[in-house]
Protein backbone atom coordinates (compact mmCIF):
# COMPACT_ATOMS: atom_id res chain seq x y z
CA MET A 1 63.28 62.43 127.38
CA SER A 2 63.57 66.41 127.25
CA HIS A 3 66.24 67.49 124.19
CA LEU A 4 68.82 68.23 126.90
CA GLU A 5 68.76 64.82 128.55
CA PRO A 6 71.03 63.08 125.88
CA TYR A 7 73.68 65.82 126.50
CA VAL A 8 73.68 65.82 129.93
CA ASP A 9 73.83 61.69 129.90
CA THR A 10 77.19 62.08 128.65
CA PHE A 11 78.65 64.08 131.69
CA GLY A 12 80.91 61.56 134.02
CA ALA A 13 82.90 63.79 135.95
CA ALA A 14 82.64 62.81 139.84
CA PRO A 15 80.15 64.18 141.96
CA GLY A 16 81.49 67.22 143.57
CA TYR A 17 83.37 68.30 140.68
CA LEU A 18 82.57 72.48 140.24
CA ASP A 19 85.47 73.63 138.45
CA TRP A 20 84.11 73.42 134.70
CA ALA A 21 85.43 77.13 134.26
CA ALA A 22 88.96 75.75 134.96
CA PHE A 23 88.74 72.45 133.42
CA GLY A 24 85.87 70.56 131.33
CA PRO A 25 86.94 66.58 131.73
CA LEU A 26 86.50 65.51 128.26
CA SER A 27 83.31 63.97 127.12
CA PRO A 28 82.78 59.96 126.08
CA THR A 29 82.35 61.23 122.69
CA VAL A 30 85.87 63.07 122.38
CA LEU A 31 87.73 60.38 124.20
CA SER A 32 86.37 57.56 121.44
CA GLU A 33 87.16 59.70 118.72
CA MET A 34 90.15 60.82 119.87
CA CYS A 35 91.39 57.02 120.35
CA ALA A 36 90.28 55.88 117.02
CA ASP A 37 91.74 58.71 114.92
CA ALA A 38 94.75 57.88 117.25
CA GLU A 39 95.10 54.56 116.01
CA LEU A 40 94.52 55.55 111.86
CA LEU A 41 97.62 58.10 112.67
CA GLY A 42 99.42 54.72 113.67
CA THR A 43 98.82 52.72 110.94
CA GLY A 44 101.17 54.75 108.52
CA ARG A 45 98.78 54.42 105.66
CA ARG A 46 98.09 57.81 103.61
CA SER A 47 94.75 57.24 103.45
CA GLY A 48 94.14 56.93 107.54
CA ILE A 49 96.59 60.23 107.85
CA GLU A 50 94.41 62.24 105.40
CA LEU A 51 91.33 61.08 106.69
CA VAL A 52 92.22 62.18 110.40
CA GLY A 53 93.64 65.58 109.01
CA GLU A 54 90.11 66.35 107.67
CA ARG A 55 88.72 67.29 111.25
CA ILE A 56 90.60 70.54 110.72
CA ALA A 57 88.14 71.41 108.13
CA GLU A 58 85.25 70.08 109.95
CA ALA A 59 86.46 71.99 113.01
CA ARG A 60 86.35 74.78 111.39
CA GLY A 61 83.14 74.29 109.48
CA ARG A 62 81.23 73.71 112.69
CA LEU A 63 83.02 76.70 114.54
CA ALA A 64 82.05 79.10 111.65
CA ARG A 65 78.40 77.75 111.66
CA LEU A 66 78.08 78.64 115.98
CA LEU A 67 79.77 82.04 115.22
CA GLY A 68 77.98 83.03 112.35
CA ALA A 69 80.80 83.24 110.16
CA SER A 70 82.37 82.25 107.10
CA ALA A 71 85.03 79.29 107.00
CA ASP A 72 87.65 81.29 105.66
CA GLU A 73 87.34 83.54 108.64
CA VAL A 74 88.42 80.80 111.35
CA VAL A 75 91.62 79.20 112.04
CA LEU A 76 92.20 76.79 114.65
CA GLN A 77 95.41 77.76 117.15
CA PRO A 78 96.78 75.95 120.06
CA SER A 79 94.95 77.94 122.63
CA THR A 80 93.04 81.56 123.22
CA THR A 81 96.14 82.92 123.88
CA HIS A 82 97.57 82.30 120.62
CA SER A 83 94.94 84.29 118.89
CA LEU A 84 95.06 87.07 121.15
CA PHE A 85 98.78 87.51 120.54
CA GLN A 86 98.03 87.44 116.73
CA ALA A 87 95.76 89.99 116.74
CA MET A 88 97.95 92.30 119.50
CA PHE A 89 100.72 91.94 117.65
CA GLY A 90 99.08 93.03 114.30
CA LEU A 91 97.71 96.35 115.70
CA SER A 92 98.30 100.13 115.77
CA GLY A 93 96.97 102.96 118.13
CA THR A 94 95.73 102.66 121.04
CA VAL A 95 93.95 99.53 122.73
CA VAL A 96 91.58 99.61 125.41
CA VAL A 97 91.57 96.80 128.11
CA PRO A 98 90.78 96.37 131.68
CA SER A 99 93.34 96.02 134.32
CA GLN A 100 91.87 93.28 135.92
CA GLU A 101 91.60 91.19 132.60
CA PHE A 102 92.64 88.10 132.36
CA PRO A 103 96.18 87.94 131.71
CA ALA A 104 95.76 86.72 128.40
CA ILE A 105 94.51 89.94 126.80
CA ARG A 106 96.67 92.49 129.09
CA VAL A 107 99.84 90.52 128.55
CA SER A 108 99.50 90.09 124.65
CA ALA A 109 98.50 93.88 124.70
CA HIS A 110 101.36 94.83 126.53
CA ARG A 111 104.30 92.71 124.76
CA ALA A 112 102.87 93.76 121.41
CA ALA A 113 103.57 97.21 122.51
CA ALA A 114 106.96 96.84 124.34
CA ALA A 115 108.01 94.61 120.96
CA ARG A 116 107.05 96.71 118.03
CA GLY A 117 106.16 100.04 119.55
CA ARG A 118 102.99 100.72 117.04
CA LEU A 119 100.59 99.96 119.96
CA ALA A 120 99.40 101.90 123.25
CA VAL A 121 97.75 100.20 125.85
CA ARG A 122 95.34 102.16 127.78
CA GLU A 123 93.66 99.92 131.18
CA ILE A 124 90.70 100.93 132.51
CA ASP A 125 89.71 99.76 136.17
CA PRO A 126 85.72 99.98 136.76
CA PRO A 127 84.38 99.41 140.20
CA GLU A 128 85.01 95.95 141.08
CA GLY A 129 86.59 94.90 137.90
CA ILE A 130 83.38 94.70 136.38
CA VAL A 131 83.37 96.42 132.83
CA THR A 132 80.24 98.25 131.52
CA ILE A 133 79.54 99.97 128.64
CA ASP A 134 79.96 103.39 130.37
CA SER A 135 83.50 102.51 131.61
CA ILE A 136 84.74 101.67 127.84
CA VAL A 137 83.10 104.89 126.51
CA GLU A 138 84.69 107.16 129.20
CA ALA A 139 88.23 105.86 127.90
CA LEU A 140 87.24 105.90 124.25
CA THR A 141 89.50 108.88 122.55
CA ASP A 142 90.15 109.25 118.96
CA ASP A 143 93.45 107.68 119.14
CA VAL A 144 91.81 104.45 120.29
CA THR A 145 91.29 101.23 117.55
CA ALA A 146 90.31 98.76 119.50
CA ILE A 147 88.53 97.36 122.46
CA ALA A 148 89.67 93.83 123.84
CA VAL A 149 87.70 92.49 126.86
CA SER A 150 86.59 88.83 127.97
CA VAL A 151 82.53 88.36 127.20
CA VAL A 152 82.19 86.47 130.89
CA ASP A 153 85.10 87.52 133.65
CA PHE A 154 87.08 84.75 134.44
CA ARG A 155 86.68 86.66 138.29
CA THR A 156 83.30 87.22 138.72
CA GLY A 157 81.42 85.43 135.74
CA ALA A 158 79.98 88.66 134.73
CA LEU A 159 78.38 88.73 131.43
CA LEU A 160 79.01 91.83 129.07
CA ASP A 161 76.68 92.69 126.54
CA LEU A 162 78.46 92.49 123.26
CA ALA A 163 75.81 93.77 120.90
CA GLY A 164 75.64 96.89 123.27
CA ILE A 165 79.48 97.37 123.42
CA ARG A 166 79.62 97.14 119.62
CA ASP A 167 76.77 99.88 119.20
CA ALA A 168 78.98 102.14 121.65
CA ILE A 169 82.56 101.89 120.11
CA GLY A 170 81.20 102.49 116.67
CA ASP A 171 83.69 101.29 113.87
CA ARG A 172 86.28 100.32 116.36
CA LEU A 173 87.80 97.42 116.33
CA LEU A 174 86.12 94.68 119.26
CA LEU A 175 88.18 91.72 120.34
CA VAL A 176 86.76 89.12 122.57
CA ASP A 177 88.03 86.58 125.00
CA ALA A 178 85.44 83.76 124.49
CA MET A 179 86.87 81.43 127.02
CA GLN A 180 84.02 81.39 129.32
CA ALA A 181 81.58 81.82 127.27
CA PHE A 182 81.54 80.13 123.98
CA GLY A 183 78.96 77.08 123.84
CA VAL A 184 77.12 77.96 126.98
CA VAL A 185 76.30 81.79 126.33
CA ASP A 186 73.61 82.45 123.35
CA VAL A 187 75.21 85.67 122.21
CA ASP A 188 75.74 87.12 118.88
CA TRP A 189 79.54 86.64 117.68
CA THR A 190 79.07 88.22 115.03
CA ALA A 191 79.18 92.05 116.91
CA ALA A 192 82.84 91.05 117.44
CA ASP A 193 85.67 91.15 114.94
CA LEU A 194 87.93 88.75 116.91
CA VAL A 195 86.52 85.66 119.03
CA ALA A 196 89.25 84.00 120.76
CA GLY A 197 88.29 80.79 122.21
CA ASN A 198 89.40 77.26 123.31
CA GLY A 199 87.90 74.25 123.82
CA TYR A 200 89.29 72.93 126.99
CA THR A 201 86.87 73.90 129.58
CA TRP A 202 82.71 74.23 128.76
CA LEU A 203 83.38 72.45 125.29
CA ARG A 204 85.06 69.53 126.95
CA ALA A 205 87.58 68.78 123.93
CA GLY A 206 90.74 68.96 125.99
CA ARG A 207 94.00 71.30 125.68
CA GLY A 208 95.13 72.81 122.56
CA THR A 209 91.68 73.33 121.11
CA GLY A 210 92.23 77.04 120.60
CA PHE A 211 90.20 78.73 117.70
CA ALA A 212 89.71 82.30 116.57
CA ARG A 213 87.51 84.15 113.78
CA PHE A 214 89.15 87.37 112.39
CA SER A 215 86.14 89.17 110.45
CA ALA A 216 86.66 90.81 107.66
CA ARG A 217 87.43 94.29 109.16
CA ALA A 218 89.79 92.42 111.25
CA GLN A 219 91.85 91.03 108.67
CA GLU A 220 91.92 94.54 106.51
CA ARG A 221 93.02 95.91 109.86
CA ILE A 222 95.16 94.09 111.51
CA VAL A 223 98.50 92.78 109.71
CA PRO A 224 99.45 89.44 110.01
CA VAL A 225 102.88 89.95 111.76
CA LEU A 226 103.26 86.41 113.29
CA SER A 227 102.07 84.27 109.99
CA GLY A 228 103.85 81.24 109.52
CA ILE A 229 104.39 78.51 107.19
CA SER A 230 100.47 77.68 107.66
CA GLY A 231 99.80 81.36 106.65
CA MET A 232 101.83 81.91 103.59
CA VAL A 233 100.87 81.41 99.93
CA GLY A 234 102.45 78.35 98.35
CA ASP A 235 103.83 75.29 99.69
CA VAL A 236 106.96 74.45 101.88
CA SER A 237 109.10 74.36 98.64
CA ALA A 238 108.50 78.17 98.06
CA LEU A 239 111.70 80.40 98.19
CA GLY A 240 112.38 83.46 100.00
CA VAL A 241 109.38 84.95 102.03
CA PRO A 242 105.76 84.13 100.40
CA ALA A 243 103.00 86.49 100.70
CA THR A 244 100.21 85.71 103.80
CA LEU A 245 96.96 84.39 102.60
CA ASP A 246 93.76 86.19 101.87
CA SER A 247 92.14 84.47 105.22
CA ALA A 248 92.13 83.88 108.64
CA ALA A 249 95.07 81.06 108.29
CA ALA A 250 97.79 83.96 107.67
CA PHE A 251 96.93 84.70 111.63
CA SER A 252 98.58 81.04 112.30
CA ILE A 253 102.52 79.75 112.36
CA ALA A 254 101.74 76.34 112.00
CA PRO A 255 99.88 73.48 110.81
CA PRO A 256 97.09 72.78 113.54
CA ASP A 257 97.08 69.20 115.32
CA PRO A 258 94.75 66.88 113.70
CA LEU A 259 94.02 64.91 116.78
CA ALA A 260 93.29 68.45 119.02
CA ALA A 261 90.86 69.10 115.66
CA SER A 262 89.08 65.65 116.06
CA ARG A 263 88.57 66.38 119.74
CA LEU A 264 87.22 69.97 118.97
CA ALA A 265 84.66 68.67 116.43
CA ALA A 266 83.45 65.91 118.50
CA ALA A 267 82.55 68.38 120.96
CA LEU A 268 81.01 70.96 118.97
CA ARG A 269 79.01 68.22 116.79
CA GLU A 270 77.62 67.51 120.38
CA LEU A 271 76.81 71.14 121.11
CA GLU A 272 75.19 71.20 117.74
CA ASP A 273 73.14 68.77 118.50
CA VAL A 274 71.85 70.47 121.57
CA GLY A 275 71.75 74.02 120.92
CA VAL A 276 73.96 76.59 122.11
CA ALA A 277 70.43 78.29 123.94
CA VAL A 278 69.38 75.00 125.44
CA VAL A 279 72.76 74.73 127.16
CA ALA A 280 72.77 78.36 128.05
CA ALA A 281 69.31 78.29 129.71
CA GLU A 282 70.25 75.07 131.55
CA LEU A 283 73.20 76.50 132.94
CA HIS A 284 72.09 80.19 133.82
CA GLU A 285 69.59 78.14 136.08
CA ARG A 286 72.39 75.68 137.42
CA ALA A 287 74.10 78.69 138.50
CA GLU A 288 71.25 80.09 140.04
CA GLU A 289 70.93 77.14 142.16
CA ILE A 290 74.44 78.02 143.35
CA ILE A 291 73.39 81.61 144.28
CA THR A 292 70.57 80.46 146.12
CA LEU A 293 72.65 78.23 148.26
CA ALA A 294 75.36 80.88 148.97
CA ASP A 295 72.33 83.59 150.00
CA ARG A 296 70.74 80.82 152.34
CA HIS A 297 74.28 80.33 154.23
CA GLU A 298 74.45 83.93 154.05
CA VAL A 299 78.28 83.80 151.59
CA PRO A 300 78.24 86.60 149.61
CA VAL A 301 78.09 86.73 145.97
CA LEU A 302 80.36 88.80 143.69
CA THR A 303 79.28 87.71 140.68
CA PRO A 304 76.38 90.40 139.17
CA ARG A 305 72.80 88.73 139.43
CA ASP A 306 71.53 90.21 136.39
CA ALA A 307 74.40 89.13 133.97
CA HIS A 308 75.86 86.23 134.76
CA ALA A 309 76.69 82.71 132.73
CA GLY A 310 77.85 79.81 134.58
CA ILE A 311 80.51 81.33 136.81
CA VAL A 312 79.62 82.20 140.46
CA THR A 313 82.03 83.65 142.74
CA LEU A 314 81.74 83.53 146.21
CA PHE A 315 83.11 85.93 148.73
CA PRO A 316 83.55 84.83 152.44
CA VAL A 317 84.53 87.62 154.03
CA ALA A 318 83.77 86.75 157.52
CA GLN A 319 86.35 84.00 156.95
CA ASP A 320 89.37 82.90 155.85
CA ALA A 321 88.75 81.83 151.98
CA ALA A 322 91.84 79.10 152.26
CA ALA A 323 90.14 77.77 155.38
CA PHE A 324 86.51 78.31 153.44
CA ALA A 325 88.28 76.07 150.62
CA ALA A 326 89.70 73.80 152.44
CA THR A 327 86.04 72.83 154.30
CA LEU A 328 84.95 72.70 150.71
CA ALA A 329 87.35 70.20 149.45
CA ASN A 330 87.00 68.07 152.59
CA HIS A 331 83.41 67.63 151.37
CA GLY A 332 84.75 66.56 148.06
CA VAL A 333 83.73 69.92 146.35
CA THR A 334 86.04 70.79 143.51
CA VAL A 335 86.45 74.57 143.03
CA THR A 336 88.60 77.19 142.37
CA ALA A 337 89.98 79.15 145.28
CA ARG A 338 92.00 82.61 144.35
CA GLY A 339 92.94 84.87 146.72
CA ALA A 340 90.14 85.84 148.87
CA THR A 341 87.58 84.24 146.27
CA ILE A 342 85.74 81.27 145.93
CA ARG A 343 84.88 80.42 142.00
CA VAL A 344 82.02 77.72 141.62
CA SER A 345 81.58 76.81 137.86
CA PRO A 346 78.68 73.94 137.41
CA HIS A 347 77.75 72.81 134.27
CA VAL A 348 74.66 71.50 132.50
CA GLY A 349 75.52 67.99 133.92
CA THR A 350 75.74 69.06 137.70
CA GLY A 351 73.68 66.68 139.43
CA ALA A 352 71.73 66.96 142.51
CA ASP A 353 74.17 64.95 144.32
CA THR A 354 76.64 67.79 143.35
CA VAL A 355 74.46 70.30 144.59
CA MET A 356 73.79 68.52 147.61
CA MET A 357 77.54 68.46 148.51
CA LEU A 358 78.14 71.75 147.99
CA GLY A 359 74.89 72.75 150.16
CA ASP A 360 76.25 70.71 153.18
CA ALA A 361 80.08 72.15 152.60
CA LEU A 362 78.21 75.45 152.82
CA ALA A 363 76.58 74.77 155.92
CA ASP A 364 79.66 73.02 157.75
CA ALA A 365 81.52 76.55 157.00
CA ALA A 366 78.46 78.48 158.33
CA ALA A 367 78.37 76.55 161.17
CA ARG A 368 82.28 76.90 161.40
CA ARG A 369 81.63 80.97 161.05
CA ALA A 370 79.23 80.96 163.71
CA SER A 371 81.36 78.68 166.54
CA SER A 372 84.34 81.37 165.39
CA VAL A 373 82.51 84.17 166.52
CA VAL A 374 81.23 82.91 169.71
CA GLU A 375 84.67 82.14 170.42
CA THR A 376 86.43 85.46 170.01
CA VAL A 377 83.48 87.75 171.41
CA PRO A 378 83.90 88.79 175.20
CA GLU A 379 81.51 86.87 177.51
CA ASP A 380 79.29 89.36 178.52
CA ILE A 381 78.15 90.29 174.94
CA VAL A 382 77.70 86.77 174.41
CA ILE A 383 75.08 86.38 177.12
CA GLU A 384 73.22 89.45 175.59
CA VAL A 385 73.66 87.98 172.44
CA LEU A 386 71.89 84.49 173.71
CA GLY A 387 69.27 85.87 175.82
CA ASP A 388 68.22 85.85 179.34
CA SER A 389 67.53 82.09 179.75
CA HIS A 390 70.98 81.13 178.49
CA ALA A 391 72.01 83.64 180.94
CA THR A 392 70.39 82.20 183.69
CA GLU A 393 71.76 78.59 183.09
CA ASN A 394 75.17 80.12 182.78
């Protein structure tokens, strides 16, 4: 048995599920521990309540190890977006963001700029929306204080060179959305000053399992404007407006949900047991399988072949994307259809049966495409394409 097999065995999603970038069906371990902790919270015993509360520290500790940070730099949040809002509202100067970035980054930046008047937003629009180091460098001026990007692009699956960006931007803050990367990309997270993520996709921990790491430099330069009772010095009996904590907890509004922390801690424990590097390598191979299938059936792929994680985005230009998505659904394949693209996202637990289902669906779509072409081409051109023998038969 390989080191990966016990982890793969925990995947119970129905065959055909290729939408892990949208939602990760909960792992059995997460479900089991959540139910056990929920029962403890139902007893009304202080010991049980306090035991479940310890999951918060456990989750923060496990996140800190995976992020290469101290636990004081890690805070649990309801979502990735909560973390990004905390950062953007505390920034001043100019922040560079991609124009086709996920709304969590773009919207939080513009909301902060409009609300406080201390931040300007500079959008960049690189070719095909795929961010490169050069596209970031071109936008840098003396007033730029931060760059905010996703490590893995939610649209195309393009993987950023985090270390390269760190070197290119100098001492400016680097804020990253790790939503599509954390746990499935082997990267040095210490290159970023803010790492915002969530456990409801690749970690299989469910909603409400957001988190953030604010580096020491981020804590120095970002004002905790949205700090609440969980980020203040003293307890709830303190009068007036207390000072904020000298840690990442300052960037929180209210205490985290212990059941969400329980789910996250369980998911992180599973990940640590197998290792991120092992998961990352296996997922890369799964994505390569999808790309190979797409090539075989002549479906264009938008995902960069030299730098990607688990997302593979198809661009069925020869036929309507909605019809293409319907064909996949008819074959029991679950993906994300968005505009003219189809986002396919396997995981390490994606089995051969699911890959076969996708292959059958792509073959069906290719046949429908070929049939559509023949039906719409004039008869004399069809004869020329088919050749002399078929012309004679006709």
